Structure formats: structure tokens, C-alpha cells
Amino acid sequence: MAFVPIAEELGLIDQLGTWVLQQACRTFANWQRQYPGAGLDCITVNVSSRQLVQQNFLRVVQQAVLDTGLRPADLRVEITETALLDTPGEAAVVLRDLRDFGVKVYLDDFGTGYSSLSHLHKLPVDALKIDRSFVSSLLLPGRPAIVESILALARTLPFDAALVDI
């Protein structure tokens, strides 16, 4: 996990993130063409908070999708809740633009960061991904109530789903 902070420190995270996004889209588009009946519906790419608020991020995503022949709905962008809370206004604009383009936005590791419920209902995300630490302890007393609470919360918001991160 030290790789990302080092890349950020060296100022390489934007270039690296762009390369990863392009490669993921290219590889997935090739798989869709090579294996048309395999049920390959979407690719999910994690995005750093720095990458999300870079000035041309929407254009980078659009270009990666268009260059590879993917449909925007084939791409899921995953961000952590802490990434959103650093700059909630800027992040909300970018996420709204991504969704308007057709890309789905997932809020990753929900429940492990510094959740701000006052911001959550304003953020244009399509799904909450419940962190695996909650899911792995479902059989322990008291823990299922937390997962059920997160699921209940997700049902009250305009999300498509609350996903379990396995």
C-alpha cells in the first residue's frame, strides 16, 4: 500500500492514474470483442482523490471510453468517501459530469472513512460498496445490525444499489 503515497509524493499519481484508466478500458474493450458471450458487463477502476479533482479528469475519462469503443455505462469509477470529503463541492461537480456522460460512480469502502451523512445525500453516486470488514464479521453478534443499517441508509438515497465488497 506504500506505492500510491510514494507515487503521490513524487507527483506521478495523475499520470499513473490516467495510464491505469486507459489500460483498463482498452483491455476490457478487447475482452468484450474477443468473448462476446461471456457476460462482461462492466469494468471498475479505482480513482484517487487527487486524480478526481484534476482539471481535465472528465476529459481523460471520456477519451479513454471513446478511444476504446466502450459504452460509458461499461465503466464504473470507484472513489473512497474520504476522497469526496476532502473537496465535496468540486468532487460533486466532477461526479455529476461523469454520471451525465454515462459512467457509473461507486462509493468504495463505505463506513470505514469519515462519513459525513450531511454530504452523502448531495453526492451523485450510483452505489455504496460496504467495506469487507463489515461483511467478514456478519456472523459475529451485533455486526449484522451495522450492515443492515448501511443497507437501510442506501435504500433511502437515490442509489441503484448497496454492494458488498468481498
Protein backbone atom coordinates (compact mmCIF):
# COMPACT_ATOMS: atom_id res chain seq x y z
CA MET A 1 0.00 0.00 0.00
CA ALA A 2 3.01 2.32 0.15
CA PHE A 3 3.06 2.51 -3.64
CA VAL A 4 0.24 5.06 -4.01
CA PRO A 5 1.57 7.50 -1.37
CA ILE A 6 5.03 7.34 -2.96
CA ALA A 7 3.55 7.97 -6.42
CA GLU A 8 1.64 10.93 -4.96
CA GLU A 9 4.76 12.27 -3.26
CA LEU A 10 6.74 12.05 -6.49
CA GLY A 11 3.96 13.78 -8.44
CA LEU A 12 3.30 10.72 -10.61
CA ILE A 13 -0.17 9.77 -9.44
CA ASP A 14 -2.04 11.74 -12.13
CA GLN A 15 -0.03 10.17 -14.96
CA LEU A 16 -0.21 6.74 -13.36
CA GLY A 17 -3.96 7.01 -12.79
CA THR A 18 -4.54 8.08 -16.39
CA TRP A 19 -2.44 5.18 -17.67
CA VAL A 20 -4.32 2.67 -15.45
CA LEU A 21 -7.69 4.01 -16.62
CA GLN A 22 -6.67 3.83 -20.29
CA GLN A 23 -5.22 0.32 -19.93
CA ALA A 24 -8.26 -0.96 -18.02
CA CYS A 25 -10.65 0.39 -20.66
CA ARG A 26 -8.51 -0.92 -23.52
CA THR A 27 -8.18 -4.39 -22.00
CA PHE A 28 -11.86 -4.62 -21.13
CA ALA A 29 -12.95 -3.49 -24.60
CA ASN A 30 -10.68 -6.13 -26.14
CA TRP A 31 -12.17 -8.81 -23.87
CA GLN A 32 -15.69 -7.74 -24.83
CA ARG A 33 -14.80 -8.10 -28.51
CA GLN A 34 -12.95 -11.41 -28.06
CA TYR A 35 -15.54 -13.01 -25.78
CA PRO A 36 -18.92 -11.53 -26.77
CA GLY A 37 -21.00 -14.13 -24.93
CA ALA A 38 -19.03 -14.06 -21.69
CA GLY A 39 -21.30 -11.58 -19.90
CA LEU A 40 -18.61 -8.95 -19.43
CA ASP A 41 -20.84 -6.07 -18.42
CA CYS A 42 -18.54 -3.56 -16.77
CA ILE A 43 -15.05 -2.68 -15.59
CA THR A 44 -14.40 -0.90 -12.31
CA VAL A 45 -11.44 1.44 -11.87
CA ASN A 46 -10.37 2.99 -8.58
CA VAL A 47 -9.64 6.71 -8.73
CA SER A 48 -7.53 8.67 -6.25
CA SER A 49 -8.80 11.90 -4.72
CA ARG A 50 -6.05 13.84 -6.49
CA GLN A 51 -6.98 12.31 -9.82
CA LEU A 52 -10.67 13.04 -9.29
CA VAL A 53 -10.14 16.78 -8.87
CA GLN A 54 -7.52 17.24 -11.57
CA GLN A 55 -8.78 19.82 -14.03
CA ASN A 56 -9.12 17.54 -17.04
CA PHE A 57 -10.32 14.35 -15.34
CA LEU A 58 -13.68 14.25 -17.13
CA ARG A 59 -11.92 14.67 -20.47
CA VAL A 60 -9.45 11.88 -19.57
CA VAL A 61 -12.34 9.52 -18.80
CA GLN A 62 -14.27 10.49 -21.92
CA GLN A 63 -11.20 9.99 -24.08
CA ALA A 64 -10.43 6.57 -22.56
CA VAL A 65 -14.00 5.43 -23.19
CA LEU A 66 -14.23 6.82 -26.71
CA ASP A 67 -10.76 5.66 -27.80
CA THR A 68 -11.50 2.09 -26.79
CA GLY A 69 -15.05 1.85 -28.09
CA LEU A 70 -16.59 1.21 -24.69
CA ARG A 71 -20.02 2.49 -23.85
CA PRO A 72 -19.81 4.93 -20.92
CA ALA A 73 -22.13 2.61 -18.96
CA ASP A 74 -19.44 -0.11 -19.23
CA LEU A 75 -17.22 1.87 -16.86
CA ARG A 76 -17.57 2.13 -13.09
CA VAL A 77 -15.40 4.66 -11.28
CA GLU A 78 -14.74 3.85 -7.62
CA ILE A 79 -13.82 6.53 -5.13
CA THR A 80 -13.40 6.44 -1.38
CA GLU A 81 -15.60 8.53 0.86
CA THR A 82 -12.54 10.37 2.20
CA ALA A 83 -11.76 11.46 -1.36
CA LEU A 84 -15.17 13.08 -1.51
CA LEU A 85 -14.88 14.77 1.84
CA ASP A 86 -11.59 16.48 1.00
CA THR A 87 -13.31 18.71 -1.57
CA PRO A 88 -17.01 17.82 -1.56
CA GLY A 89 -18.11 20.68 -3.83
CA GLU A 90 -15.50 20.03 -6.52
CA ALA A 91 -15.96 16.29 -6.28
CA ALA A 92 -19.75 16.57 -6.63
CA VAL A 93 -19.38 18.58 -9.86
CA VAL A 94 -16.96 16.06 -11.37
CA LEU A 95 -19.10 13.10 -10.30
CA ARG A 96 -22.22 14.70 -11.74
CA ASP A 97 -20.40 15.30 -15.04
CA LEU A 98 -19.21 11.67 -15.09
CA ARG A 99 -22.74 10.42 -14.46
CA ASP A 100 -24.13 12.75 -17.13
CA PHE A 101 -21.63 11.20 -19.54
CA GLY A 102 -22.98 7.76 -18.55
CA VAL A 103 -20.24 6.43 -16.26
CA LYS A 104 -21.43 4.84 -13.00
CA VAL A 105 -19.91 6.12 -9.75
CA TYR A 106 -19.37 3.84 -6.76
CA LEU A 107 -18.52 5.00 -3.26
CA ASP A 108 -15.93 2.46 -2.06
CA ASP A 109 -15.20 1.18 1.45
CA PHE A 110 -18.29 2.86 2.82
CA GLY A 111 -18.31 3.02 6.59
CA THR A 112 -14.54 2.99 7.12
CA GLY A 113 -13.74 6.63 6.50
CA TYR A 114 -15.09 9.80 7.97
CA SER A 115 -18.64 9.55 6.74
CA SER A 116 -20.49 12.78 6.54
CA LEU A 117 -24.14 11.97 6.24
CA SER A 118 -24.92 15.62 5.58
CA HIS A 119 -22.84 15.41 2.39
CA LEU A 120 -23.83 11.90 1.36
CA HIS A 121 -27.29 12.78 0.08
CA LYS A 122 -25.81 15.54 -2.11
CA LEU A 123 -23.19 13.37 -3.79
CA PRO A 124 -24.03 11.94 -7.20
CA VAL A 125 -23.06 8.30 -6.67
CA ASP A 126 -24.77 5.20 -8.02
CA ALA A 127 -23.88 2.69 -5.33
CA LEU A 128 -22.31 2.30 -1.91
CA LYS A 129 -19.78 -0.50 -1.53
CA ILE A 130 -19.89 -1.81 2.01
CA ASP A 131 -16.39 -2.47 3.27
CA ARG A 132 -15.41 -6.13 3.62
CA SER A 133 -14.51 -5.63 7.29
CA PHE A 134 -18.25 -5.36 7.98
CA VAL A 135 -19.16 -8.26 5.75
CA SER A 136 -16.49 -10.62 7.09
CA SER A 137 -17.87 -10.20 10.60
CA LEU A 138 -21.52 -10.78 9.74
CA LEU A 139 -21.64 -13.89 11.89
CA LEU A 140 -20.44 -12.03 14.99
CA PRO A 141 -23.03 -10.70 17.45
CA GLY A 142 -24.00 -7.08 16.82
CA ARG A 143 -22.26 -6.67 13.50
CA PRO A 144 -25.17 -7.60 11.20
CA ALA A 145 -27.06 -4.60 12.59
CA ILE A 146 -24.39 -2.28 11.20
CA VAL A 147 -24.61 -3.81 7.73
CA GLU A 148 -28.40 -3.70 7.89
CA SER A 149 -28.22 -0.03 8.90
CA ILE A 150 -25.97 0.79 5.94
CA LEU A 151 -28.32 -1.09 3.60
CA ALA A 152 -31.31 0.77 5.06
CA LEU A 153 -29.48 4.07 4.58
CA ALA A 154 -28.67 3.20 0.98
CA ARG A 155 -32.33 2.39 0.30
CA THR A 156 -33.35 5.91 1.38
CA LEU A 157 -30.93 7.56 -1.04
CA PRO A 158 -31.21 7.69 -4.83
CA PHE A 159 -28.66 4.88 -5.36
CA ASP A 160 -29.02 1.90 -7.64
CA ALA A 161 -27.54 -0.43 -5.04
CA ALA A 162 -25.55 -1.03 -1.93
CA LEU A 163 -22.87 -3.51 -2.87
CA VAL A 164 -20.93 -5.83 -0.65
CA ASP A 165 -17.16 -5.70 -1.12
CA ILE A 166 -15.99 -9.30 -0.93
